[in-house]
C-alpha cells in the first residue's frame, strides 16, 4: 500500500479484546488459537495468543513464529463493578479496543491473508 492510499478498515480483520480476556482469565495459562473467517467462510489470519509471565500482557504470535508482546490495560466500568480491558497499541502506546494487523506493520506482525 502506498502512502496516501485510503484503506477500508471495516474490511480488515481486527483483534478484539475478548480473546485476551479469555487468555488472562484461564487458570490453566494455555495459549488460544484466534482466527477470522473470510468471505468464503474459510479460516484466515491465524494468530496464537498466550499469557505473558507478567500477567498484564499477552503474547500474540503468527504462523511464521514471529511474536509480539501487547500490554493489557484494565479500567473499571462505571456501573456494576465490572472491568474493561484494552490493548496498549504497540505503535502509538494508546489504549485501544481493537488492534488491526495493518497497524502492526512497524511492530512486526502483519498478514496478507495467504
PDB file of N, CA and C in Angstrom:
ATOM      1  N   UNK A   1       0.851  -1.155   0.000  1.00  0.00           N
ATOM      2  CA  UNK A   1       0.000   0.000   0.000  1.00  0.00           C
ATOM      3  C   UNK A   1       0.900   1.222   0.000  1.00  0.00           C
ATOM      4  N   UNK A   2       0.633   2.148  -0.872  1.00  0.00           N
ATOM      5  CA  UNK A   2       1.454   3.349  -0.969  1.00  0.00           C
ATOM      6  C   UNK A   2       0.930   4.412  -0.019  1.00  0.00           C
ATOM      7  N   UNK A   3       1.809   5.346   0.390  1.00  0.00           N
ATOM      8  CA  UNK A   3       1.360   6.417   1.278  1.00  0.00           C
ATOM      9  C   UNK A   3       0.230   7.212   0.622  1.00  0.00           C
ATOM     10  N   UNK A   4      -0.721   7.603   1.422  1.00  0.00           N
ATOM     11  CA  UNK A   4      -1.843   8.373   0.919  1.00  0.00           C
ATOM     12  C   UNK A   4      -2.971   7.523   0.355  1.00  0.00           C
ATOM     13  N   UNK A   5      -2.777   6.203   0.280  1.00  0.00           N
ATOM     14  CA  UNK A   5      -3.816   5.311  -0.221  1.00  0.00           C
ATOM     15  C   UNK A   5      -4.835   5.077   0.884  1.00  0.00           C
ATOM     16  N   UNK A   6      -6.099   5.249   0.571  1.00  0.00           N
ATOM     17  CA  UNK A   6      -7.160   5.021   1.550  1.00  0.00           C
ATOM     18  C   UNK A   6      -7.330   3.530   1.790  1.00  0.00           C
ATOM     19  N   UNK A   7      -7.571   3.171   3.030  1.00  0.00           N
ATOM     20  CA  UNK A   7      -7.773   1.784   3.415  1.00  0.00           C
ATOM     21  C   UNK A   7      -9.135   1.645   4.061  1.00  0.00           C
ATOM     22  N   UNK A   8      -9.903   0.670   3.623  1.00  0.00           N
ATOM     23  CA  UNK A   8     -11.202   0.387   4.218  1.00  0.00           C
ATOM     24  C   UNK A   8     -10.976  -0.506   5.431  1.00  0.00           C
ATOM     25  N   UNK A   9     -10.861   0.115   6.615  1.00  0.00           N
ATOM     26  CA  UNK A   9     -10.562  -0.658   7.815  1.00  0.00           C
ATOM     27  C   UNK A   9     -11.705  -1.589   8.204  1.00  0.00           C
ATOM     28  N   UNK A  10     -12.906  -1.321   7.731  1.00  0.00           N
ATOM     29  CA  UNK A  10     -14.033  -2.195   8.049  1.00  0.00           C
ATOM     30  C   UNK A  10     -13.873  -3.566   7.406  1.00  0.00           C
ATOM     31  N   UNK A  11     -13.111  -3.669   6.342  1.00  0.00           N
ATOM     32  CA  UNK A  11     -12.916  -4.954   5.682  1.00  0.00           C
ATOM     33  C   UNK A  11     -11.674  -5.679   6.182  1.00  0.00           C
ATOM     34  N   UNK A  12     -10.921  -5.056   7.080  1.00  0.00           N
ATOM     35  CA  UNK A  12      -9.705  -5.671   7.601  1.00  0.00           C
ATOM     36  C   UNK A  12     -10.009  -6.414   8.896  1.00  0.00           C
ATOM     37  N   UNK A  13      -9.347  -7.540   9.091  1.00  0.00           N
ATOM     38  CA  UNK A  13      -9.541  -8.228  10.365  1.00  0.00           C
ATOM     39  C   UNK A  13      -8.975  -7.381  11.508  1.00  0.00           C
ATOM     40  N   UNK A  14      -9.688  -7.387  12.615  1.00  0.00           N
ATOM     41  CA  UNK A  14      -9.217  -6.668  13.786  1.00  0.00           C
ATOM     42  C   UNK A  14      -9.255  -7.607  14.974  1.00  0.00           C
ATOM     43  N   UNK A  15      -8.347  -7.405  15.873  1.00  0.00           N
ATOM     44  CA  UNK A  15      -8.228  -8.269  17.040  1.00  0.00           C
ATOM     45  C   UNK A  15      -8.967  -7.622  18.204  1.00  0.00           C
ATOM     46  N   UNK A  16     -10.144  -8.164  18.560  1.00  0.00           N
ATOM     47  CA  UNK A  16     -10.879  -7.610  19.700  1.00  0.00           C
ATOM     48  C   UNK A  16     -10.239  -8.047  21.017  1.00  0.00           C
ATOM     49  N   UNK A  17     -10.698  -7.471  22.105  1.00  0.00           N
ATOM     50  CA  UNK A  17     -10.090  -7.774  23.405  1.00  0.00           C
ATOM     51  C   UNK A  17     -10.630  -9.039  24.063  1.00  0.00           C
ATOM     52  N   UNK A  18     -11.768  -9.566  23.593  1.00  0.00           N
ATOM     53  CA  UNK A  18     -12.315 -10.733  24.301  1.00  0.00           C
ATOM     54  C   UNK A  18     -11.391 -11.949  24.273  1.00  0.00           C
ATOM     55  N   UNK A  19     -10.619 -12.219  23.207  1.00  0.00           N
ATOM     56  CA  UNK A  19      -9.677 -13.342  23.322  1.00  0.00           C
ATOM     57  C   UNK A  19      -8.617 -13.096  24.394  1.00  0.00           C
ATOM     58  N   UNK A  20      -8.190 -11.852  24.549  1.00  0.00           N
ATOM     59  CA  UNK A  20      -7.208 -11.535  25.593  1.00  0.00           C
ATOM     60  C   UNK A  20      -7.801 -11.781  26.972  1.00  0.00           C
ATOM     61  N   UNK A  21      -9.081 -11.443  27.132  1.00  0.00           N
ATOM     62  CA  UNK A  21      -9.744 -11.704  28.425  1.00  0.00           C
ATOM     63  C   UNK A  21      -9.779 -13.205  28.712  1.00  0.00           C
ATOM     64  N   UNK A  22     -10.131 -14.003  27.687  1.00  0.00           N
ATOM     65  CA  UNK A  22     -10.151 -15.454  27.879  1.00  0.00           C
ATOM     66  C   UNK A  22      -8.773 -15.969  28.268  1.00  0.00           C
ATOM     67  N   UNK A  23      -7.762 -15.491  27.586  1.00  0.00           N
ATOM     68  CA  UNK A  23      -6.390 -15.941  27.854  1.00  0.00           C
ATOM     69  C   UNK A  23      -5.975 -15.584  29.277  1.00  0.00           C
ATOM     70  N   UNK A  24      -6.222 -14.356  29.680  1.00  0.00           N
ATOM     71  CA  UNK A  24      -5.791 -13.912  31.007  1.00  0.00           C
ATOM     72  C   UNK A  24      -6.620 -14.522  32.128  1.00  0.00           C
ATOM     73  N   UNK A  25      -7.896 -14.847  31.856  1.00  0.00           N
ATOM     74  CA  UNK A  25      -8.756 -15.428  32.885  1.00  0.00           C
ATOM     75  C   UNK A  25      -8.642 -16.949  32.978  1.00  0.00           C
ATOM     76  N   UNK A  26      -7.985 -17.575  32.036  1.00  0.00           N
ATOM     77  CA  UNK A  26      -7.870 -19.034  32.026  1.00  0.00           C
ATOM     78  C   UNK A  26      -6.843 -19.481  33.068  1.00  0.00           C
ATOM     79  N   UNK A  27      -7.275 -20.191  34.118  1.00  0.00           N
ATOM     80  CA  UNK A  27      -6.331 -20.600  35.163  1.00  0.00           C
ATOM     81  C   UNK A  27      -5.288 -21.609  34.671  1.00  0.00           C
ATOM     82  N   UNK A  28      -5.556 -22.253  33.538  1.00  0.00           N
ATOM     83  CA  UNK A  28      -4.594 -23.216  33.000  1.00  0.00           C
ATOM     84  C   UNK A  28      -3.417 -22.529  32.322  1.00  0.00           C
ATOM     85  N   UNK A  29      -3.565 -21.239  31.961  1.00  0.00           N
ATOM     86  CA  UNK A  29      -2.486 -20.495  31.321  1.00  0.00           C
ATOM     87  C   UNK A  29      -2.162 -20.978  29.920  1.00  0.00           C
ATOM     88  N   UNK A  30      -3.150 -21.500  29.234  1.00  0.00           N
ATOM     89  CA  UNK A  30      -2.925 -22.053  27.901  1.00  0.00           C
ATOM     90  C   UNK A  30      -3.011 -20.995  26.813  1.00  0.00           C
ATOM     91  N   UNK A  31      -2.409 -21.324  25.694  1.00  0.00           N
ATOM     92  CA  UNK A  31      -2.498 -20.465  24.513  1.00  0.00           C
ATOM     93  C   UNK A  31      -3.831 -20.702  23.819  1.00  0.00           C
ATOM     94  N   UNK A  32      -4.314 -19.688  23.142  1.00  0.00           N
ATOM     95  CA  UNK A  32      -5.548 -19.773  22.374  1.00  0.00           C
ATOM     96  C   UNK A  32      -5.241 -19.536  20.908  1.00  0.00           C
ATOM     97  N   UNK A  33      -5.966 -20.233  20.066  1.00  0.00           N
ATOM     98  CA  UNK A  33      -5.868 -20.054  18.624  1.00  0.00           C
ATOM     99  C   UNK A  33      -6.971 -19.090  18.217  1.00  0.00           C
ATOM    100  N   UNK A  34      -6.598 -17.972  17.615  1.00  0.00           N
ATOM    101  CA  UNK A  34      -7.554 -16.950  17.191  1.00  0.00           C
ATOM    102  C   UNK A  34      -7.471 -16.849  15.676  1.00  0.00           C
ATOM    103  N   UNK A  35      -8.637 -16.837  15.026  1.00  0.00           N
ATOM    104  CA  UNK A  35      -8.628 -16.707  13.569  1.00  0.00           C
ATOM    105  C   UNK A  35      -9.900 -15.997  13.126  1.00  0.00           C
ATOM    106  N   UNK A  36      -9.878 -15.521  11.915  1.00  0.00           N
ATOM    107  CA  UNK A  36     -11.021 -14.880  11.302  1.00  0.00           C
ATOM    108  C   UNK A  36     -11.452 -15.730  10.126  1.00  0.00           C
ATOM    109  N   UNK A  37     -12.724 -15.678   9.793  1.00  0.00           N
ATOM    110  CA  UNK A  37     -13.182 -16.359   8.595  1.00  0.00           C
ATOM    111  C   UNK A  37     -13.318 -15.338   7.479  1.00  0.00           C
ATOM    112  N   UNK A  38     -12.903 -15.732   6.302  1.00  0.00           N
ATOM    113  CA  UNK A  38     -13.004 -14.866   5.137  1.00  0.00           C
ATOM    114  C   UNK A  38     -14.415 -14.873   4.586  1.00  0.00           C
ATOM    115  N   UNK A  39     -14.604 -14.144   3.539  1.00  0.00           N
ATOM    116  CA  UNK A  39     -15.934 -14.082   2.923  1.00  0.00           C
ATOM    117  C   UNK A  39     -16.367 -15.438   2.387  1.00  0.00           C
ATOM    118  N   UNK A  40     -15.401 -16.279   2.073  1.00  0.00           N
ATOM    119  CA  UNK A  40     -15.720 -17.620   1.586  1.00  0.00           C
ATOM    120  C   UNK A  40     -15.976 -18.604   2.725  1.00  0.00           C
ATOM    121  N   UNK A  41     -15.837 -18.148   3.980  1.00  0.00           N
ATOM    122  CA  UNK A  41     -16.086 -18.997   5.139  1.00  0.00           C
ATOM    123  C   UNK A  41     -14.875 -19.771   5.618  1.00  0.00           C
ATOM    124  N   UNK A  42     -13.775 -19.697   4.871  1.00  0.00           N
ATOM    125  CA  UNK A  42     -12.561 -20.402   5.274  1.00  0.00           C
ATOM    126  C   UNK A  42     -11.817 -19.601   6.338  1.00  0.00           C
ATOM    127  N   UNK A  43     -11.193 -20.305   7.295  1.00  0.00           N
ATOM    128  CA  UNK A  43     -10.428 -19.587   8.316  1.00  0.00           C
ATOM    129  C   UNK A  43      -9.220 -18.900   7.690  1.00  0.00           C
ATOM    130  N   UNK A  44      -8.910 -17.738   8.210  1.00  0.00           N
ATOM    131  CA  UNK A  44      -7.762 -16.996   7.728  1.00  0.00           C
ATOM    132  C   UNK A  44      -7.183 -16.146   8.836  1.00  0.00           C
ATOM    133  N   UNK A  45      -6.049 -15.546   8.606  1.00  0.00           N
ATOM    134  CA  UNK A  45      -5.372 -14.686   9.567  1.00  0.00           C
ATOM    135  C   UNK A  45      -5.221 -15.372  10.930  1.00  0.00           C
ATOM    136  N   UNK A  46      -4.598 -16.524  10.971  1.00  0.00           N
ATOM    137  CA  UNK A  46      -4.458 -17.219  12.256  1.00  0.00           C
ATOM    138  C   UNK A  46      -3.428 -16.557  13.171  1.00  0.00           C
ATOM    139  N   UNK A  47      -3.763 -16.499  14.443  1.00  0.00           N
ATOM    140  CA  UNK A  47      -2.867 -15.986  15.473  1.00  0.00           C
ATOM    141  C   UNK A  47      -2.910 -16.910  16.673  1.00  0.00           C
ATOM    142  N   UNK A  48      -1.841 -16.927  17.390  1.00  0.00           N
ATOM    143  CA  UNK A  48      -1.778 -17.645  18.662  1.00  0.00           C
ATOM    144  C   UNK A  48      -1.630 -16.595  19.743  1.00  0.00           C
ATOM    145  N   UNK A  49      -2.468 -16.683  20.768  1.00  0.00           N
ATOM    146  CA  UNK A  49      -2.413 -15.719  21.861  1.00  0.00           C
ATOM    147  C   UNK A  49      -2.218 -16.471  23.165  1.00  0.00           C
ATOM    148  N   UNK A  50      -1.243 -16.037  23.938  1.00  0.00           N
ATOM    149  CA  UNK A  50      -0.974 -16.679  25.219  1.00  0.00           C
ATOM    150  C   UNK A  50      -0.615 -15.626  26.257  1.00  0.00           C
ATOM    151  N   UNK A  51      -0.784 -15.983  27.530  1.00  0.00           N
ATOM    152  CA  UNK A  51      -0.470 -15.002  28.572  1.00  0.00           C
ATOM    153  C   UNK A  51       1.034 -14.807  28.693  1.00  0.00           C
ATOM    154  N   UNK A  52       1.430 -13.578  28.966  1.00  0.00           N
ATOM    155  CA  UNK A  52       2.827 -13.291  29.274  1.00  0.00           C
ATOM    156  C   UNK A  52       3.046 -13.566  30.757  1.00  0.00           C
ATOM    157  N   UNK A  53       4.276 -13.751  31.136  1.00  0.00           N
ATOM    158  CA  UNK A  53       4.574 -14.086  32.529  1.00  0.00           C
ATOM    159  C   UNK A  53       4.193 -12.986  33.510  1.00  0.00           C
ATOM    160  N   UNK A  54       4.162 -11.732  33.057  1.00  0.00           N
ATOM    161  CA  UNK A  54       3.848 -10.630  33.972  1.00  0.00           C
ATOM    162  C   UNK A  54       2.369 -10.577  34.346  1.00  0.00           C
ATOM    163  N   UNK A  55       1.499 -11.306  33.627  1.00  0.00           N
ATOM    164  CA  UNK A  55       0.069 -11.321  33.921  1.00  0.00           C
ATOM    165  C   UNK A  55      -0.673 -10.081  33.453  1.00  0.00           C
ATOM    166  N   UNK A  56       0.036  -9.112  32.893  1.00  0.00           N
ATOM    167  CA  UNK A  56      -0.580  -7.877  32.410  1.00  0.00           C
ATOM    168  C   UNK A  56      -0.402  -7.694  30.912  1.00  0.00           C
ATOM    169  N   UNK A  57       0.002  -8.741  30.228  1.00  0.00           N
ATOM    170  CA  UNK A  57       0.247  -8.684  28.792  1.00  0.00           C
ATOM    171  C   UNK A  57      -0.111 -10.018  28.172  1.00  0.00           C
ATOM    172  N   UNK A  58      -0.309  -9.974  26.864  1.00  0.00           N
ATOM    173  CA  UNK A  58      -0.479 -11.205  26.098  1.00  0.00           C
ATOM    174  C   UNK A  58       0.593 -11.226  25.013  1.00  0.00           C
ATOM    175  N   UNK A  59       0.943 -12.403  24.600  1.00  0.00           N
ATOM    176  CA  UNK A  59       1.884 -12.569  23.506  1.00  0.00           C
ATOM    177  C   UNK A  59       1.092 -13.047  22.307  1.00  0.00           C
ATOM    178  N   UNK A  60       1.156 -12.278  21.238  1.00  0.00           N
ATOM    179  CA  UNK A  60       0.430 -12.581  20.014  1.00  0.00           C
ATOM    180  C   UNK A  60       1.462 -13.036  18.996  1.00  0.00           C
ATOM    181  N   UNK A  61       1.264 -14.244  18.474  1.00  0.00           N
ATOM    182  CA  UNK A  61       2.210 -14.788  17.516  1.00  0.00           C
ATOM    183  C   UNK A  61       1.541 -15.171  16.215  1.00  0.00           C
ATOM    184  N   UNK A  62       2.318 -15.146  15.147  1.00  0.00           N
ATOM    185  CA  UNK A  62       1.782 -15.540  13.850  1.00  0.00           C
ATOM    186  C   UNK A  62       2.309 -16.922  13.479  1.00  0.00           C
ATOM    187  N   UNK A  63       1.887 -17.406  12.338  1.00  0.00           N
ATOM    188  CA  UNK A  63       2.257 -18.767  11.924  1.00  0.00           C
ATOM    189  C   UNK A  63       3.703 -18.875  11.469  1.00  0.00           C
ATOM    190  N   UNK A  64       4.371 -17.731  11.283  1.00  0.00           N
ATOM    191  CA  UNK A  64       5.783 -17.743  10.902  1.00  0.00           C
ATOM    192  C   UNK A  64       6.705 -17.724  12.114  1.00  0.00           C
ATOM    193  N   UNK A  65       6.128 -17.769  13.307  1.00  0.00           N
ATOM    194  CA  UNK A  65       6.923 -17.806  14.525  1.00  0.00           C
ATOM    195  C   UNK A  65       7.260 -16.437  15.089  1.00  0.00           C
ATOM    196  N   UNK A  66       6.796 -15.374  14.449  1.00  0.00           N
ATOM    197  CA  UNK A  66       7.022 -14.034  14.991  1.00  0.00           C
ATOM    198  C   UNK A  66       6.040 -13.795  16.126  1.00  0.00           C
ATOM    199  N   UNK A  67       6.482 -13.073  17.142  1.00  0.00           N
ATOM    200  CA  UNK A  67       5.618 -12.815  18.295  1.00  0.00           C
ATOM    201  C   UNK A  67       5.794 -11.377  18.756  1.00  0.00           C
ATOM    202  N   UNK A  68       4.753 -10.869  19.360  1.00  0.00           N
ATOM    203  CA  UNK A  68       4.732  -9.502  19.847  1.00  0.00           C
ATOM    204  C   UNK A  68       4.021  -9.494  21.196  1.00  0.00           C
ATOM    205  N   UNK A  69       4.638  -8.883  22.177  1.00  0.00           N
ATOM    206  CA  UNK A  69       4.024  -8.741  23.492  1.00  0.00           C
ATOM    207  C   UNK A  69       3.176  -7.474  23.481  1.00  0.00           C
ATOM    208  N   UNK A  70       1.903  -7.625  23.873  1.00  0.00           N
ATOM    209  CA  UNK A  70       0.968  -6.497  23.882  1.00  0.00           C
ATOM    210  C   UNK A  70       0.464  -6.324  25.309  1.00  0.00           C
ATOM    211  N   UNK A  71       0.669  -5.140  25.850  1.00  0.00           N
ATOM    212  CA  UNK A  71       0.241  -4.844  27.210  1.00  0.00           C
ATOM    213  C   UNK A  71      -1.275  -4.695  27.260  1.00  0.00           C
ATOM    214  N   UNK A  72      -1.858  -5.140  28.367  1.00  0.00           N
ATOM    215  CA  UNK A  72      -3.294  -5.034  28.613  1.00  0.00           C
ATOM    216  C   UNK A  72      -3.526  -3.963  29.676  1.00  0.00           C
ATOM    217  N   UNK A  73      -4.498  -3.116  29.422  1.00  0.00           N
ATOM    218  CA  UNK A  73      -4.881  -2.067  30.370  1.00  0.00           C
ATOM    219  C   UNK A  73      -6.253  -2.429  30.911  1.00  0.00           C
ATOM    220  N   UNK A  74      -6.387  -2.401  32.217  1.00  0.00           N
ATOM    221  CA  UNK A  74      -7.678  -2.674  32.850  1.00  0.00           C
ATOM    222  C   UNK A  74      -8.251  -1.362  33.386  1.00  0.00           C
ATOM    223  N   UNK A  75      -9.533  -1.130  33.072  1.00  0.00           N
ATOM    224  CA  UNK A  75     -10.204   0.077  33.549  1.00  0.00           C
ATOM    225  C   UNK A  75     -11.542  -0.309  34.156  1.00  0.00           C
ATOM    226  N   UNK A  76     -11.855   0.237  35.348  1.00  0.00           N
ATOM    227  CA  UNK A  76     -13.145  -0.080  35.960  1.00  0.00           C
ATOM    228  C   UNK A  76     -14.290   0.538  35.162  1.00  0.00           C
ATOM    229  N   UNK A  77     -15.368  -0.208  35.054  1.00  0.00           N
ATOM    230  CA  UNK A  77     -16.565   0.286  34.397  1.00  0.00           C
ATOM    231  C   UNK A  77     -17.392   1.091  35.403  1.00  0.00           C
ATOM    232  N   UNK A  78     -18.146   2.078  34.948  1.00  0.00           N
ATOM    233  CA  UNK A  78     -18.854   2.963  35.875  1.00  0.00           C
ATOM    234  C   UNK A  78     -19.987   2.293  36.651  1.00  0.00           C
ATOM    235  N   UNK A  79     -20.530   1.187  36.149  1.00  0.00           N
ATOM    236  CA  UNK A  79     -21.641   0.543  36.837  1.00  0.00           C
ATOM    237  C   UNK A  79     -21.337  -0.932  37.058  1.00  0.00           C
ATOM    238  N   UNK A  80     -21.882  -1.475  38.092  1.00  0.00           N
ATOM    239  CA  UNK A  80     -21.862  -2.918  38.391  1.00  0.00           C
ATOM    240  C   UNK A  80     -20.481  -3.480  38.705  1.00  0.00           C
ATOM    241  N   UNK A  81     -19.480  -2.659  38.863  1.00  0.00           N
ATOM    242  CA  UNK A  81     -18.175  -3.136  39.308  1.00  0.00           C
ATOM    243  C   UNK A  81     -17.399  -3.969  38.309  1.00  0.00           C
ATOM    244  N   UNK A  82     -17.757  -3.900  37.031  1.00  0.00           N
ATOM    245  CA  UNK A  82     -17.034  -4.666  36.018  1.00  0.00           C
ATOM    246  C   UNK A  82     -15.706  -4.027  35.663  1.00  0.00           C
ATOM    247  N   UNK A  83     -14.947  -4.736  34.840  1.00  0.00           N
ATOM    248  CA  UNK A  83     -13.640  -4.268  34.431  1.00  0.00           C
ATOM    249  C   UNK A  83     -13.531  -4.391  32.915  1.00  0.00           C
ATOM    250  N   UNK A  84     -13.208  -3.295  32.252  1.00  0.00           N
ATOM    251  CA  UNK A  84     -12.962  -3.305  30.810  1.00  0.00           C
ATOM    252  C   UNK A  84     -11.478  -3.551  30.589  1.00  0.00           C
ATOM    253  N   UNK A  85     -11.156  -4.285  29.536  1.00  0.00           N
ATOM    254  CA  UNK A  85      -9.753  -4.437  29.186  1.00  0.00           C
ATOM    255  C   UNK A  85      -9.527  -3.840  27.806  1.00  0.00           C
ATOM    256  N   UNK A  86      -8.382  -3.249  27.649  1.00  0.00           N
ATOM    257  CA  UNK A  86      -7.985  -2.607  26.400  1.00  0.00           C
ATOM    258  C   UNK A  86      -6.560  -3.026  26.076  1.00  0.00           C
ATOM    259  N   UNK A  87      -6.229  -3.003  24.806  1.00  0.00           N
ATOM    260  CA  UNK A  87      -4.846  -3.214  24.401  1.00  0.00           C
ATOM    261  C   UNK A  87      -4.113  -1.884  24.452  1.00  0.00           C
ATOM    262  N   UNK A  88      -2.842  -1.894  24.808  1.00  0.00           N
ATOM    263  CA  UNK A  88      -1.996  -0.723  24.607  1.00  0.00           C
ATOM    264  C   UNK A  88      -1.335  -0.931  23.254  1.00  0.00           C
ATOM    265  N   UNK A  89      -1.698  -0.100  22.293  1.00  0.00           N
ATOM    266  CA  UNK A  89      -1.189  -0.245  20.933  1.00  0.00           C
ATOM    267  C   UNK A  89       0.337  -0.221  20.954  1.00  0.00           C
ATOM    268  N   UNK A  90       0.976  -1.226  20.354  1.00  0.00           N
ATOM    269  CA  UNK A  90       2.445  -1.259  20.336  1.00  0.00           C
ATOM    270  C   UNK A  90       3.072  -0.106  19.552  1.00  0.00           C
ATOM    271  N   UNK A  91       2.305   0.502  18.653  1.00  0.00           N
ATOM    272  CA  UNK A  91       2.835   1.598  17.843  1.00  0.00           C
ATOM    273  C   UNK A  91       2.652   2.948  18.529  1.00  0.00           C
ATOM    274  N   UNK A  92       1.408   3.307  18.852  1.00  0.00           N
ATOM    275  CA  UNK A  92       1.125   4.645  19.389  1.00  0.00           C
ATOM    276  C   UNK A  92       1.070   4.671  20.913  1.00  0.00           C
ATOM    277  N   UNK A  93       1.040   3.494  21.554  1.00  0.00           N
ATOM    278  CA  UNK A  93       1.020   3.347  23.008  1.00  0.00           C
ATOM    279  C   UNK A  93      -0.294   3.826  23.642  1.00  0.00           C
ATOM    280  N   UNK A  94      -1.337   4.024  22.851  1.00  0.00           N
ATOM    281  CA  UNK A  94      -2.629   4.454  23.371  1.00  0.00           C
ATOM    282  C   UNK A  94      -3.530   3.250  23.619  1.00  0.00           C
ATOM    283  N   UNK A  95      -4.466   3.363  24.571  1.00  0.00           N
ATOM    284  CA  UNK A  95      -5.428   2.272  24.800  1.00  0.00           C
ATOM    285  C   UNK A  95      -6.340   2.105  23.588  1.00  0.00           C
ATOM    286  N   UNK A  96      -6.568   0.851  23.193  1.00  0.00           N
ATOM    287  CA  UNK A  96      -7.408   0.551  22.033  1.00  0.00           C
ATOM    288  C   UNK A  96      -8.291  -0.656  22.321  1.00  0.00           C
ATOM    289  N   UNK A  97      -9.513  -0.627  21.789  1.00  0.00           N
ATOM    290  CA  UNK A  97     -10.412  -1.781  21.905  1.00  0.00           C
ATOM    291  C   UNK A  97     -10.060  -2.866  20.910  1.00  0.00           C
ATOM    292  N   UNK A  98      -9.440  -2.474  19.808  1.00  0.00           N
ATOM    293  CA  UNK A  98      -9.074  -3.413  18.748  1.00  0.00           C
ATOM    294  C   UNK A  98      -7.672  -3.097  18.266  1.00  0.00           C
ATOM    295  N   UNK A  99      -7.011  -4.130  17.759  1.00  0.00           N
ATOM    296  CA  UNK A  99      -5.755  -3.940  17.035  1.00  0.00           C
ATOM    297  C   UNK A  99      -5.968  -4.451  15.623  1.00  0.00           C
ATOM    298  N   UNK A 100      -5.489  -3.703  14.672  1.00  0.00           N
ATOM    299  CA  UNK A 100      -5.562  -4.090  13.267  1.00  0.00           C
ATOM    300  C   UNK A 100      -4.210  -4.613  12.833  1.00  0.00           C
ATOM    301  N   UNK A 101      -4.209  -5.681  12.038  1.00  0.00           N
ATOM    302  CA  UNK A 101      -2.960  -6.230  11.530  1.00  0.00           C
ATOM    303  C   UNK A 101      -2.145  -5.220  10.762  1.00  0.00           C
ATOM    304  N   UNK A 102      -2.814  -4.373  10.009  1.00  0.00           N
ATOM    305  CA  UNK A 102      -2.089  -3.366   9.244  1.00  0.00           C
ATOM    306  C   UNK A 102      -1.423  -2.363  10.181  1.00  0.00           C
ATOM    307  N   UNK A 103      -1.982  -2.154  11.355  1.00  0.00           N
ATOM    308  CA  UNK A 103      -1.399  -1.219  12.312  1.00  0.00           C
ATOM    309  C   UNK A 103      -0.142  -1.785  12.950  1.00  0.00           C
ATOM    310  N   UNK A 104       0.063  -3.077  12.819  1.00  0.00           N
ATOM    311  CA  UNK A 104       1.225  -3.696  13.432  1.00  0.00           C
ATOM    312  C   UNK A 104       2.377  -3.877  12.449  1.00  0.00           C
ATOM    313  N   UNK A 105       2.308  -3.290  11.289  1.00  0.00           N
ATOM    314  CA  UNK A 105       3.385  -3.448  10.317  1.00  0.00           C
ATOM    315  C   UNK A 105       4.728  -3.044  10.912  1.00  0.00           C
ATOM    316  N   UNK A 106       4.766  -1.914  11.562  1.00  0.00           N
ATOM    317  CA  UNK A 106       6.010  -1.484  12.192  1.00  0.00           C
ATOM    318  C   UNK A 106       6.340  -2.312  13.417  1.00  0.00           C
ATOM    319  N   UNK A 107       5.323  -2.925  14.001  1.00  0.00           N
ATOM    320  CA  UNK A 107       5.514  -3.753  15.185  1.00  0.00           C
ATOM    321  C   UNK A 107       5.769  -5.207  14.853  1.00  0.00           C
ATOM    322  N   UNK A 108       5.979  -5.502  13.582  1.00  0.00           N
ATOM    323  CA  UNK A 108       6.411  -6.799  13.077  1.00  0.00           C
ATOM    324  C   UNK A 108       5.314  -7.735  12.641  1.00  0.00           C
ATOM    325  N   UNK A 109       4.103  -7.723  13.202  1.00  0.00           N
ATOM    326  CA  UNK A 109       3.102  -8.704  12.808  1.00  0.00           C
ATOM    327  C   UNK A 109       2.172  -8.083  11.786  1.00  0.00           C
ATOM    328  N   UNK A 110       2.097  -8.673  10.632  1.00  0.00           N
ATOM    329  CA  UNK A 110       1.168  -8.254   9.591  1.00  0.00           C
ATOM    330  C   UNK A 110       0.890  -9.456   8.724  1.00  0.00           C
ATOM    331  N   UNK A 111      -0.314  -9.557   8.234  1.00  0.00           N
ATOM    332  CA  UNK A 111      -0.698 -10.702   7.405  1.00  0.00           C
ATOM    333  C   UNK A 111      -1.297 -10.229   6.106  1.00  0.00           C
ATOM    334  N   UNK A 112      -1.027 -10.978   5.084  1.00  0.00           N
ATOM    335  CA  UNK A 112      -1.625 -10.656   3.799  1.00  0.00           C
ATOM    336  C   UNK A 112      -2.730 -11.655   3.471  1.00  0.00           C
ATOM    337  N   UNK A 113      -3.035 -12.550   4.411  1.00  0.00           N
ATOM    338  CA  UNK A 113      -4.121 -13.488   4.201  1.00  0.00           C
ATOM    339  C   UNK A 113      -3.735 -14.748   3.454  1.00  0.00           C
ATOM    340  N   UNK A 114      -2.467 -14.896   3.116  1.00  0.00           N
ATOM    341  CA  UNK A 114      -2.040 -16.095   2.378  1.00  0.00           C
ATOM    342  C   UNK A 114      -1.537 -17.148   3.332  1.00  0.00           C
TER     343      UNK A 114
END
